[in-house]
């Protein structure tokens, strides 16, 4: 590791499951796990909600990492994701990419206490998660969302008034994933935002 006398040893095992083994992925993964080490599951695309394969893997996972930007029909899948919260901690890369904006919006308190509409120029997932975050933090489900589609989170307006850009640069995608791999406990603020997004 840089600036230390310590080294870091890692190992990546990539499995391709076919046939009946694909229906029981946990039975293949479990023997590879090392006790007392956390288990992270990075699921690409929208998980097959309720499928035995997902249920099995969630059962051996400490943290499920998704990117709801990859999902269709957001926010409709969020209640299904919320069903997994009691079973394993969850992270959403789309949520992590809103962190600069959330921190910046929080500095506007108490001026944002009465906001009625949030307009977000970004991905659908980022828009709904930011709206859910505002709803949950302000304890008001009457905040409306207006969404301008964009590939990245480019801007936010509250009741028609543009919010200045937050300081700093957006984090690199590798840094976002790396940060999520450093989390070991549930994120109650994220969980509340997911639930409020569909309220």
N, C-alpha and C. Protein backbone atom coordinates (compact mmCIF):
# COMPACT_ATOMS: atom_id res chain seq x y z
N UNK A 1 0.86 -1.17 0.00
CA UNK A 1 0.00 0.00 0.00
C UNK A 1 0.90 1.23 0.00
N UNK A 2 0.52 2.27 -0.74
CA UNK A 2 1.38 3.45 -0.86
C UNK A 2 1.73 4.05 0.50
N UNK A 3 2.98 4.48 0.63
CA UNK A 3 3.48 5.16 1.83
C UNK A 3 3.43 4.30 3.08
N UNK A 4 3.39 2.99 2.97
CA UNK A 4 3.42 2.09 4.12
C UNK A 4 4.32 0.91 3.80
N UNK A 5 4.62 0.13 4.82
CA UNK A 5 5.39 -1.10 4.62
C UNK A 5 4.48 -2.29 4.36
N UNK A 6 3.18 -2.04 4.26
CA UNK A 6 2.21 -3.12 4.11
C UNK A 6 1.91 -3.40 2.65
N UNK A 7 1.70 -4.65 2.36
CA UNK A 7 1.26 -5.05 1.03
C UNK A 7 -0.17 -5.52 1.09
N UNK A 8 -0.82 -5.55 -0.03
CA UNK A 8 -2.20 -5.99 -0.11
C UNK A 8 -2.29 -7.10 -1.14
N UNK A 9 -2.78 -8.24 -0.71
CA UNK A 9 -2.91 -9.38 -1.60
C UNK A 9 -4.39 -9.59 -1.89
N UNK A 10 -4.73 -9.70 -3.15
CA UNK A 10 -6.13 -9.92 -3.53
C UNK A 10 -6.20 -11.08 -4.49
N UNK A 11 -7.39 -11.62 -4.59
CA UNK A 11 -7.63 -12.71 -5.53
C UNK A 11 -9.01 -12.54 -6.11
N UNK A 12 -9.14 -12.68 -7.40
CA UNK A 12 -10.43 -12.59 -8.08
C UNK A 12 -10.73 -13.97 -8.66
N UNK A 13 -11.91 -14.48 -8.30
CA UNK A 13 -12.37 -15.75 -8.85
C UNK A 13 -13.60 -15.45 -9.69
N UNK A 14 -13.53 -15.75 -10.97
CA UNK A 14 -14.65 -15.51 -11.86
C UNK A 14 -15.27 -16.83 -12.24
N UNK A 15 -16.57 -16.96 -11.98
CA UNK A 15 -17.28 -18.21 -12.26
C UNK A 15 -18.35 -17.97 -13.32
N UNK A 16 -18.49 -18.89 -14.21
CA UNK A 16 -19.59 -18.89 -15.16
C UNK A 16 -20.41 -20.14 -14.89
N UNK A 17 -21.64 -19.96 -14.47
CA UNK A 17 -22.49 -21.09 -14.10
C UNK A 17 -23.46 -21.41 -15.22
N UNK A 18 -23.57 -22.68 -15.53
CA UNK A 18 -24.50 -23.13 -16.57
C UNK A 18 -25.31 -24.30 -16.03
N UNK A 19 -26.42 -24.55 -16.70
CA UNK A 19 -27.24 -25.70 -16.34
C UNK A 19 -27.81 -25.57 -14.94
N UNK A 20 -27.89 -26.72 -14.25
CA UNK A 20 -28.52 -26.72 -12.92
C UNK A 20 -27.70 -25.94 -11.90
N UNK A 21 -26.39 -25.81 -12.12
CA UNK A 21 -25.57 -25.03 -11.19
C UNK A 21 -25.98 -23.56 -11.18
N UNK A 22 -26.46 -23.06 -12.30
CA UNK A 22 -26.88 -21.66 -12.39
C UNK A 22 -28.11 -21.40 -11.51
N UNK A 23 -28.82 -22.46 -11.17
CA UNK A 23 -30.01 -22.31 -10.32
C UNK A 23 -29.67 -22.34 -8.84
N UNK A 24 -28.42 -22.66 -8.50
CA UNK A 24 -28.01 -22.73 -7.09
C UNK A 24 -26.65 -22.06 -6.91
N UNK A 25 -26.56 -20.76 -7.21
CA UNK A 25 -25.25 -20.11 -7.16
C UNK A 25 -24.63 -20.05 -5.76
N UNK A 26 -25.45 -19.97 -4.73
CA UNK A 26 -24.90 -19.89 -3.37
C UNK A 26 -24.13 -21.15 -3.02
N UNK A 27 -24.57 -22.29 -3.52
CA UNK A 27 -23.86 -23.54 -3.20
C UNK A 27 -22.46 -23.56 -3.81
N UNK A 28 -22.25 -22.82 -4.88
CA UNK A 28 -20.93 -22.72 -5.51
C UNK A 28 -20.09 -21.66 -4.81
N UNK A 29 -20.71 -20.57 -4.43
CA UNK A 29 -19.99 -19.44 -3.83
C UNK A 29 -19.58 -19.72 -2.39
N UNK A 30 -20.47 -20.31 -1.61
CA UNK A 30 -20.21 -20.48 -0.17
C UNK A 30 -18.87 -21.15 0.15
N UNK A 31 -18.47 -22.23 -0.53
CA UNK A 31 -17.18 -22.84 -0.19
C UNK A 31 -15.98 -21.93 -0.44
N UNK A 32 -16.17 -20.90 -1.25
CA UNK A 32 -15.07 -19.98 -1.56
C UNK A 32 -14.92 -18.87 -0.53
N UNK A 33 -15.92 -18.69 0.32
CA UNK A 33 -15.92 -17.59 1.28
C UNK A 33 -14.97 -17.89 2.44
N UNK A 34 -14.35 -16.85 2.94
CA UNK A 34 -13.46 -16.96 4.09
C UNK A 34 -14.20 -16.37 5.29
N UNK A 35 -14.30 -17.14 6.36
CA UNK A 35 -15.06 -16.67 7.52
C UNK A 35 -14.46 -15.38 8.05
N UNK A 36 -15.33 -14.54 8.60
CA UNK A 36 -14.98 -13.25 9.20
C UNK A 36 -14.59 -12.18 8.18
N UNK A 37 -14.62 -12.48 6.91
CA UNK A 37 -14.39 -11.46 5.89
C UNK A 37 -15.74 -11.08 5.29
N UNK A 38 -15.98 -9.77 5.10
CA UNK A 38 -17.28 -9.36 4.55
C UNK A 38 -17.44 -9.82 3.10
N UNK A 39 -18.68 -10.05 2.73
CA UNK A 39 -19.01 -10.51 1.38
C UNK A 39 -19.83 -9.42 0.69
N UNK A 40 -19.32 -8.96 -0.46
CA UNK A 40 -20.00 -7.94 -1.25
C UNK A 40 -20.49 -8.59 -2.54
N UNK A 41 -21.70 -8.22 -2.93
CA UNK A 41 -22.28 -8.70 -4.18
C UNK A 41 -22.59 -7.49 -5.05
N UNK A 42 -21.87 -7.36 -6.16
CA UNK A 42 -22.12 -6.28 -7.11
C UNK A 42 -23.01 -6.86 -8.20
N UNK A 43 -24.28 -6.42 -8.22
CA UNK A 43 -25.25 -6.94 -9.19
C UNK A 43 -25.36 -5.95 -10.35
N UNK A 44 -25.03 -6.41 -11.55
CA UNK A 44 -25.14 -5.57 -12.74
C UNK A 44 -26.56 -5.66 -13.28
N UNK A 45 -27.11 -4.51 -13.68
CA UNK A 45 -28.48 -4.46 -14.18
C UNK A 45 -29.47 -4.61 -13.04
N UNK A 46 -30.74 -4.71 -13.39
CA UNK A 46 -31.78 -4.86 -12.37
C UNK A 46 -31.85 -6.31 -11.90
N UNK A 47 -31.81 -6.53 -10.60
CA UNK A 47 -31.90 -7.91 -10.10
C UNK A 47 -33.25 -8.55 -10.45
N UNK A 48 -33.29 -9.85 -10.58
CA UNK A 48 -34.56 -10.55 -10.83
C UNK A 48 -35.30 -10.73 -9.50
N UNK A 49 -36.06 -9.75 -9.13
CA UNK A 49 -36.71 -9.72 -7.82
C UNK A 49 -37.46 -11.01 -7.54
N UNK A 50 -37.21 -11.58 -6.37
CA UNK A 50 -37.90 -12.80 -5.95
C UNK A 50 -37.35 -14.08 -6.53
N UNK A 51 -36.40 -13.99 -7.46
CA UNK A 51 -35.83 -15.20 -8.07
C UNK A 51 -35.00 -15.95 -7.03
N UNK A 52 -35.04 -17.29 -7.04
CA UNK A 52 -34.28 -18.07 -6.06
C UNK A 52 -32.79 -17.76 -6.09
N UNK A 53 -32.24 -17.49 -7.28
CA UNK A 53 -30.81 -17.19 -7.39
C UNK A 53 -30.45 -15.93 -6.60
N UNK A 54 -31.27 -14.88 -6.75
CA UNK A 54 -31.02 -13.65 -6.00
C UNK A 54 -31.19 -13.89 -4.51
N UNK A 55 -32.25 -14.59 -4.13
CA UNK A 55 -32.51 -14.86 -2.72
C UNK A 55 -31.34 -15.62 -2.08
N UNK A 56 -30.81 -16.61 -2.80
CA UNK A 56 -29.68 -17.39 -2.27
C UNK A 56 -28.45 -16.52 -2.07
N UNK A 57 -28.13 -15.71 -3.06
CA UNK A 57 -26.93 -14.88 -2.96
C UNK A 57 -27.06 -13.79 -1.90
N UNK A 58 -28.26 -13.22 -1.77
CA UNK A 58 -28.47 -12.23 -0.71
C UNK A 58 -28.28 -12.90 0.66
N UNK A 59 -28.63 -14.17 0.75
CA UNK A 59 -28.49 -14.90 2.00
C UNK A 59 -27.05 -15.07 2.46
N UNK A 60 -26.08 -14.99 1.55
CA UNK A 60 -24.67 -15.14 1.93
C UNK A 60 -23.90 -13.82 1.81
N UNK A 61 -24.62 -12.74 1.51
CA UNK A 61 -23.99 -11.45 1.25
C UNK A 61 -24.16 -10.50 2.44
N UNK A 62 -23.10 -9.77 2.73
CA UNK A 62 -23.19 -8.72 3.75
C UNK A 62 -23.66 -7.41 3.14
N UNK A 63 -23.26 -7.14 1.90
CA UNK A 63 -23.65 -5.90 1.25
C UNK A 63 -23.93 -6.15 -0.22
N UNK A 64 -25.10 -5.68 -0.67
CA UNK A 64 -25.51 -5.75 -2.07
C UNK A 64 -25.26 -4.38 -2.68
N UNK A 65 -24.50 -4.36 -3.78
CA UNK A 65 -24.20 -3.11 -4.47
C UNK A 65 -24.86 -3.15 -5.84
N UNK A 66 -25.73 -2.16 -6.10
CA UNK A 66 -26.43 -2.05 -7.37
C UNK A 66 -26.16 -0.67 -7.97
N UNK A 67 -26.61 -0.46 -9.17
CA UNK A 67 -26.61 0.87 -9.79
C UNK A 67 -27.97 1.01 -10.45
N UNK A 68 -28.88 1.69 -9.77
CA UNK A 68 -30.25 1.77 -10.30
C UNK A 68 -30.32 2.63 -11.56
N UNK A 69 -29.23 3.27 -11.94
CA UNK A 69 -29.18 3.94 -13.24
C UNK A 69 -29.32 2.91 -14.36
N UNK A 70 -28.94 1.66 -14.09
CA UNK A 70 -29.01 0.59 -15.09
C UNK A 70 -30.41 -0.02 -15.20
N UNK A 71 -31.34 0.42 -14.37
CA UNK A 71 -32.67 -0.18 -14.34
C UNK A 71 -33.65 0.58 -15.21
N UNK A 72 -34.65 -0.12 -15.71
CA UNK A 72 -35.75 0.52 -16.42
C UNK A 72 -36.88 0.79 -15.43
N UNK A 73 -37.72 1.73 -15.76
CA UNK A 73 -38.95 2.02 -15.01
C UNK A 73 -38.69 2.45 -13.56
N UNK A 74 -37.56 3.11 -13.29
CA UNK A 74 -37.34 3.67 -11.96
C UNK A 74 -38.38 4.77 -11.76
N UNK A 75 -39.05 4.84 -10.62
CA UNK A 75 -38.74 4.26 -9.32
C UNK A 75 -39.51 2.97 -8.99
N UNK A 76 -40.20 2.37 -9.97
CA UNK A 76 -41.03 1.20 -9.68
C UNK A 76 -40.29 0.06 -8.97
N UNK A 77 -39.00 -0.22 -9.28
CA UNK A 77 -38.32 -1.33 -8.60
C UNK A 77 -37.89 -1.03 -7.16
N UNK A 78 -37.92 0.23 -6.74
CA UNK A 78 -37.40 0.57 -5.41
C UNK A 78 -38.10 -0.16 -4.26
N UNK A 79 -39.41 -0.35 -4.29
CA UNK A 79 -40.01 -1.13 -3.19
C UNK A 79 -39.49 -2.56 -3.11
N UNK A 80 -39.16 -3.16 -4.26
CA UNK A 80 -38.60 -4.52 -4.24
C UNK A 80 -37.21 -4.52 -3.62
N UNK A 81 -36.42 -3.49 -3.94
CA UNK A 81 -35.10 -3.35 -3.32
C UNK A 81 -35.25 -3.17 -1.82
N UNK A 82 -36.21 -2.37 -1.40
CA UNK A 82 -36.41 -2.10 0.02
C UNK A 82 -36.76 -3.38 0.79
N UNK A 83 -37.36 -4.35 0.13
CA UNK A 83 -37.67 -5.63 0.79
C UNK A 83 -36.39 -6.35 1.23
N UNK A 84 -35.27 -6.05 0.59
CA UNK A 84 -34.00 -6.70 0.93
C UNK A 84 -33.26 -5.99 2.07
N UNK A 85 -33.65 -4.76 2.42
CA UNK A 85 -32.93 -4.00 3.43
C UNK A 85 -32.77 -4.73 4.76
N UNK A 86 -33.79 -5.43 5.26
CA UNK A 86 -33.60 -6.13 6.54
C UNK A 86 -32.62 -7.30 6.46
N UNK A 87 -32.36 -7.80 5.26
CA UNK A 87 -31.53 -8.99 5.11
C UNK A 87 -30.07 -8.70 4.83
N UNK A 88 -29.78 -7.59 4.15
CA UNK A 88 -28.38 -7.22 3.89
C UNK A 88 -28.31 -5.72 3.66
N UNK A 89 -27.17 -5.16 3.98
CA UNK A 89 -26.96 -3.74 3.70
C UNK A 89 -26.95 -3.55 2.19
N UNK A 90 -27.41 -2.39 1.75
CA UNK A 90 -27.48 -2.13 0.32
C UNK A 90 -26.81 -0.80 -0.03
N UNK A 91 -26.19 -0.78 -1.18
CA UNK A 91 -25.59 0.43 -1.73
C UNK A 91 -26.07 0.60 -3.15
N UNK A 92 -26.16 1.86 -3.56
CA UNK A 92 -26.59 2.17 -4.92
C UNK A 92 -25.60 3.19 -5.48
N UNK A 93 -24.94 2.84 -6.56
CA UNK A 93 -23.97 3.74 -7.15
C UNK A 93 -24.64 5.03 -7.62
N UNK A 94 -25.88 4.94 -8.08
CA UNK A 94 -26.63 6.15 -8.46
C UNK A 94 -26.76 7.08 -7.26
N UNK A 95 -27.03 6.53 -6.08
CA UNK A 95 -27.13 7.32 -4.85
C UNK A 95 -25.78 7.95 -4.51
N UNK A 96 -24.72 7.17 -4.60
CA UNK A 96 -23.39 7.68 -4.27
C UNK A 96 -23.02 8.86 -5.16
N UNK A 97 -23.47 8.84 -6.40
CA UNK A 97 -23.14 9.94 -7.32
C UNK A 97 -23.90 11.22 -7.00
N UNK A 98 -24.87 11.16 -6.10
CA UNK A 98 -25.59 12.38 -5.69
C UNK A 98 -24.99 13.00 -4.44
N UNK A 99 -23.95 12.43 -3.87
CA UNK A 99 -23.46 12.88 -2.55
C UNK A 99 -23.04 14.35 -2.53
N UNK A 100 -22.33 14.81 -3.56
CA UNK A 100 -21.92 16.22 -3.59
C UNK A 100 -23.14 17.13 -3.57
N UNK A 101 -24.16 16.76 -4.34
CA UNK A 101 -25.35 17.60 -4.40
C UNK A 101 -26.12 17.56 -3.08
N UNK A 102 -26.19 16.39 -2.46
CA UNK A 102 -26.90 16.31 -1.16
C UNK A 102 -26.21 17.16 -0.11
N UNK A 103 -24.88 17.07 -0.05
CA UNK A 103 -24.14 17.88 0.92
C UNK A 103 -24.36 19.36 0.65
N UNK A 104 -24.35 19.74 -0.63
CA UNK A 104 -24.54 21.14 -1.00
C UNK A 104 -25.96 21.62 -0.66
N UNK A 105 -26.95 20.81 -0.99
CA UNK A 105 -28.34 21.18 -0.68
C UNK A 105 -28.56 21.31 0.82
N UNK A 106 -27.89 20.49 1.61
CA UNK A 106 -28.04 20.56 3.07
C UNK A 106 -27.56 21.89 3.62
N UNK A 107 -26.62 22.54 2.94
CA UNK A 107 -26.14 23.84 3.42
C UNK A 107 -27.18 24.94 3.22
N UNK A 108 -28.22 24.67 2.45
CA UNK A 108 -29.27 25.66 2.20
C UNK A 108 -30.34 25.67 3.29
N UNK A 109 -30.22 24.76 4.25
CA UNK A 109 -31.17 24.74 5.38
C UNK A 109 -31.02 26.03 6.18
N UNK A 110 -32.09 26.66 6.68
CA UNK A 110 -33.49 26.22 6.63
C UNK A 110 -34.26 26.73 5.43
N UNK A 111 -33.57 27.39 4.49
CA UNK A 111 -34.25 27.97 3.34
C UNK A 111 -34.99 26.96 2.47
N UNK A 112 -34.58 25.70 2.51
CA UNK A 112 -35.24 24.70 1.65
C UNK A 112 -36.39 23.98 2.37
N UNK A 113 -36.67 24.37 3.59
CA UNK A 113 -37.68 23.65 4.39
C UNK A 113 -39.06 23.62 3.73
N UNK A 114 -39.39 24.66 2.98
CA UNK A 114 -40.73 24.74 2.39
C UNK A 114 -40.75 24.44 0.90
N UNK A 115 -39.67 23.87 0.37
CA UNK A 115 -39.62 23.61 -1.06
C UNK A 115 -40.80 22.72 -1.49
N UNK A 116 -41.35 23.03 -2.66
CA UNK A 116 -42.50 22.27 -3.18
C UNK A 116 -42.12 21.40 -4.38
N UNK A 117 -41.13 21.85 -5.16
CA UNK A 117 -40.76 21.13 -6.37
C UNK A 117 -39.24 21.09 -6.50
N UNK A 118 -38.72 19.92 -6.83
CA UNK A 118 -37.30 19.79 -7.14
C UNK A 118 -37.19 19.37 -8.60
N UNK A 119 -36.36 20.11 -9.34
CA UNK A 119 -36.12 19.79 -10.76
C UNK A 119 -34.67 19.31 -10.85
N UNK A 120 -34.49 18.12 -11.43
CA UNK A 120 -33.17 17.50 -11.50
C UNK A 120 -32.83 17.23 -12.95
N UNK A 121 -31.64 17.72 -13.35
CA UNK A 121 -31.10 17.36 -14.67
C UNK A 121 -30.05 16.29 -14.41
N UNK A 122 -30.39 15.03 -14.73
CA UNK A 122 -29.51 13.90 -14.48
C UNK A 122 -30.20 12.62 -14.90
N UNK A 123 -29.72 11.50 -14.40
CA UNK A 123 -30.37 10.23 -14.73
C UNK A 123 -31.69 10.12 -13.97
N UNK A 124 -32.56 9.24 -14.42
CA UNK A 124 -33.83 9.05 -13.75
C UNK A 124 -33.62 8.60 -12.30
N UNK A 125 -32.68 7.69 -12.09
CA UNK A 125 -32.41 7.21 -10.74
C UNK A 125 -31.92 8.33 -9.83
N UNK A 126 -31.01 9.15 -10.33
CA UNK A 126 -30.51 10.25 -9.51
C UNK A 126 -31.62 11.23 -9.17
N UNK A 127 -32.49 11.49 -10.13
CA UNK A 127 -33.60 12.42 -9.88
C UNK A 127 -34.52 11.89 -8.78
N UNK A 128 -34.92 10.62 -8.89
CA UNK A 128 -35.82 10.06 -7.89
C UNK A 128 -35.17 9.93 -6.52
N UNK A 129 -33.89 9.57 -6.49
CA UNK A 129 -33.21 9.43 -5.21
C UNK A 129 -33.01 10.79 -4.54
N UNK A 130 -32.71 11.82 -5.31
CA UNK A 130 -32.60 13.16 -4.71
C UNK A 130 -33.95 13.64 -4.19
N UNK A 131 -35.00 13.40 -4.97
CA UNK A 131 -36.34 13.76 -4.51
C UNK A 131 -36.71 12.98 -3.25
N UNK A 132 -36.43 11.67 -3.25
CA UNK A 132 -36.71 10.86 -2.07
C UNK A 132 -35.92 11.32 -0.86
N UNK A 133 -34.67 11.72 -1.10
CA UNK A 133 -33.85 12.23 0.00
C UNK A 133 -34.47 13.49 0.61
N UNK A 134 -34.88 14.43 -0.26
CA UNK A 134 -35.53 15.64 0.25
C UNK A 134 -36.81 15.31 0.99
N UNK A 135 -37.63 14.44 0.42
CA UNK A 135 -38.88 14.05 1.08
C UNK A 135 -38.61 13.44 2.45
N UNK A 136 -37.63 12.55 2.53
CA UNK A 136 -37.37 11.86 3.80
C UNK A 136 -36.74 12.79 4.83
N UNK A 137 -35.84 13.66 4.40
CA UNK A 137 -35.18 14.57 5.34
C UNK A 137 -36.14 15.64 5.84
N UNK A 138 -37.01 16.13 4.95
CA UNK A 138 -37.97 17.17 5.34
C UNK A 138 -39.26 16.58 5.89
N UNK A 139 -39.38 15.25 5.84
CA UNK A 139 -40.56 14.54 6.31
C UNK A 139 -41.84 15.06 5.65
N UNK A 140 -41.73 15.19 4.30
CA UNK A 140 -42.87 15.67 3.51
C UNK A 140 -42.91 14.91 2.19
N UNK A 141 -43.95 14.14 1.98
CA UNK A 141 -44.09 13.38 0.74
C UNK A 141 -44.74 14.18 -0.38
N UNK A 142 -45.03 15.47 -0.14
CA UNK A 142 -45.70 16.28 -1.15
C UNK A 142 -44.72 17.01 -2.06
N UNK A 143 -43.44 16.75 -1.96
CA UNK A 143 -42.46 17.40 -2.83
C UNK A 143 -42.51 16.74 -4.21
N UNK A 144 -42.78 17.56 -5.23
CA UNK A 144 -42.92 17.04 -6.60
C UNK A 144 -41.57 16.99 -7.29
N UNK A 145 -41.44 16.08 -8.24
CA UNK A 145 -40.22 15.94 -9.01
C UNK A 145 -40.46 16.32 -10.46
N UNK A 146 -39.56 17.14 -11.00
CA UNK A 146 -39.50 17.41 -12.43
C UNK A 146 -38.13 16.92 -12.89
N UNK A 147 -38.11 16.18 -13.98
CA UNK A 147 -36.87 15.53 -14.41
C UNK A 147 -36.50 15.92 -15.83
N UNK A 148 -35.26 16.40 -15.99
CA UNK A 148 -34.68 16.65 -17.31
C UNK A 148 -33.61 15.58 -17.53
N UNK A 149 -33.82 14.64 -18.45
CA UNK A 149 -32.86 13.54 -18.63
C UNK A 149 -31.47 14.02 -19.05
N UNK A 150 -30.45 13.42 -18.45
CA UNK A 150 -29.05 13.67 -18.81
C UNK A 150 -28.26 12.45 -18.37
N UNK A 151 -27.08 12.28 -18.94
CA UNK A 151 -26.23 11.11 -18.63
C UNK A 151 -25.62 11.20 -17.24
N UNK A 152 -25.39 12.43 -16.75
CA UNK A 152 -24.82 12.64 -15.42
C UNK A 152 -25.64 13.69 -14.70
N UNK A 153 -25.41 13.82 -13.41
CA UNK A 153 -26.13 14.81 -12.61
C UNK A 153 -25.53 16.19 -12.89
N UNK A 154 -26.28 17.00 -13.63
CA UNK A 154 -25.76 18.29 -14.09
C UNK A 154 -26.33 19.48 -13.36
N UNK A 155 -27.51 19.35 -12.79
CA UNK A 155 -28.09 20.52 -12.13
C UNK A 155 -29.33 20.20 -11.33
N UNK A 156 -29.61 21.07 -10.37
CA UNK A 156 -30.78 20.95 -9.51
C UNK A 156 -31.39 22.34 -9.36
N UNK A 157 -32.71 22.40 -9.40
CA UNK A 157 -33.43 23.64 -9.13
C UNK A 157 -34.50 23.36 -8.10
N UNK A 158 -34.69 24.29 -7.19
CA UNK A 158 -35.72 24.18 -6.16
C UNK A 158 -36.76 25.25 -6.39
N UNK A 159 -38.00 24.85 -6.61
CA UNK A 159 -39.10 25.76 -6.92
C UNK A 159 -38.72 26.74 -8.03
N UNK A 160 -38.07 26.21 -9.07
CA UNK A 160 -37.73 27.00 -10.24
C UNK A 160 -36.44 27.78 -10.13
N UNK A 161 -35.80 27.80 -8.98
CA UNK A 161 -34.57 28.55 -8.80
C UNK A 161 -33.37 27.60 -8.83
N UNK A 162 -32.47 27.84 -9.78
CA UNK A 162 -31.31 26.96 -9.94
C UNK A 162 -30.41 27.03 -8.72
N UNK A 163 -29.94 25.88 -8.30
CA UNK A 163 -28.97 25.79 -7.20
C UNK A 163 -27.58 25.85 -7.81
N UNK A 164 -26.68 26.69 -7.26
CA UNK A 164 -25.32 26.75 -7.80
C UNK A 164 -24.65 25.38 -7.74
N UNK A 165 -23.73 25.15 -8.66
CA UNK A 165 -23.00 23.87 -8.67
C UNK A 165 -22.26 23.67 -7.35
N UNK A 166 -22.24 22.44 -6.86
CA UNK A 166 -21.47 22.18 -5.64
C UNK A 166 -19.98 22.29 -5.91
N UNK A 167 -19.18 22.59 -4.89
CA UNK A 167 -17.74 22.69 -5.11
C UNK A 167 -17.13 21.33 -5.42
N UNK A 168 -15.96 21.37 -6.06
CA UNK A 168 -15.24 20.13 -6.35
C UNK A 168 -15.70 19.47 -7.63
N UNK A 169 -14.99 18.41 -7.97
CA UNK A 169 -15.31 17.64 -9.18
C UNK A 169 -16.05 16.36 -8.80
N UNK A 170 -16.89 15.86 -9.69
CA UNK A 170 -17.53 14.57 -9.41
C UNK A 170 -16.47 13.48 -9.25
N UNK A 171 -16.71 12.50 -8.38
CA UNK A 171 -15.73 11.43 -8.21
C UNK A 171 -15.68 10.53 -9.44
N UNK A 172 -14.52 9.93 -9.65
CA UNK A 172 -14.36 8.97 -10.75
C UNK A 172 -15.18 7.73 -10.44
N UNK A 173 -15.68 7.02 -11.47
CA UNK A 173 -16.48 5.80 -11.22
C UNK A 173 -15.76 4.79 -10.35
N UNK A 174 -14.45 4.61 -10.53
CA UNK A 174 -13.72 3.65 -9.70
C UNK A 174 -13.70 4.07 -8.24
N UNK A 175 -13.64 5.40 -7.99
CA UNK A 175 -13.66 5.88 -6.61
C UNK A 175 -15.02 5.65 -5.96
N UNK A 176 -16.09 5.80 -6.75
CA UNK A 176 -17.44 5.58 -6.22
C UNK A 176 -17.58 4.13 -5.77
N UNK A 177 -17.19 3.18 -6.62
CA UNK A 177 -17.29 1.77 -6.26
C UNK A 177 -16.37 1.45 -5.08
N UNK A 178 -15.17 1.99 -5.09
CA UNK A 178 -14.23 1.76 -3.99
C UNK A 178 -14.81 2.23 -2.67
N UNK A 179 -15.45 3.40 -2.67
CA UNK A 179 -16.07 3.90 -1.43
C UNK A 179 -17.17 2.97 -0.94
N UNK A 180 -17.94 2.42 -1.87
CA UNK A 180 -19.02 1.51 -1.46
C UNK A 180 -18.46 0.22 -0.86
N UNK A 181 -17.29 -0.19 -1.30
CA UNK A 181 -16.66 -1.39 -0.75
C UNK A 181 -16.06 -1.14 0.63
N UNK A 182 -16.01 0.13 1.04
CA UNK A 182 -15.50 0.46 2.37
C UNK A 182 -16.63 0.48 3.41
N UNK A 183 -17.88 0.42 2.95
CA UNK A 183 -19.02 0.49 3.87
C UNK A 183 -19.39 -0.92 4.33
N UNK A 184 -19.63 -1.06 5.63
CA UNK A 184 -19.97 -2.38 6.16
C UNK A 184 -21.33 -2.41 6.85
N UNK A 185 -21.94 -1.26 7.05
CA UNK A 185 -23.20 -1.20 7.78
C UNK A 185 -24.28 -0.60 6.88
N UNK A 186 -25.54 -0.82 7.22
CA UNK A 186 -26.63 -0.21 6.43
C UNK A 186 -26.55 1.31 6.45
N UNK A 187 -27.10 1.93 5.43
CA UNK A 187 -27.16 3.39 5.32
C UNK A 187 -28.62 3.80 5.49
N UNK A 188 -29.04 4.18 6.72
CA UNK A 188 -30.45 4.50 6.94
C UNK A 188 -30.94 5.70 6.14
N UNK A 189 -30.06 6.63 5.79
CA UNK A 189 -30.48 7.79 5.00
C UNK A 189 -30.82 7.34 3.58
N UNK A 190 -29.99 6.46 3.02
CA UNK A 190 -30.28 5.92 1.69
C UNK A 190 -31.58 5.11 1.72
N UNK A 191 -31.74 4.26 2.71
CA UNK A 191 -32.94 3.43 2.80
C UNK A 191 -34.20 4.30 2.89
N UNK A 192 -34.13 5.38 3.67
CA UNK A 192 -35.28 6.28 3.78
C UNK A 192 -35.56 6.98 2.45
N UNK A 193 -34.50 7.35 1.73
CA UNK A 193 -34.69 8.01 0.42
C UNK A 193 -35.34 7.07 -0.58
N UNK A 194 -34.94 5.80 -0.58
CA UNK A 194 -35.55 4.82 -1.49
C UNK A 194 -37.04 4.67 -1.19
N UNK A 195 -37.38 4.55 0.08
CA UNK A 195 -38.78 4.40 0.46
C UNK A 195 -39.58 5.65 0.13
N UNK A 196 -39.00 6.84 0.35
CA UNK A 196 -39.71 8.09 0.09
C UNK A 196 -39.85 8.37 -1.39
N UNK A 197 -38.95 7.83 -2.21
CA UNK A 197 -39.02 8.08 -3.66
C UNK A 197 -40.31 7.54 -4.26
N UNK A 198 -40.86 6.50 -3.65
CA UNK A 198 -42.08 5.91 -4.20
C UNK A 198 -43.30 6.23 -3.36
N UNK A 199 -43.14 7.13 -2.41
CA UNK A 199 -44.28 7.48 -1.52
C UNK A 199 -45.32 8.28 -2.26
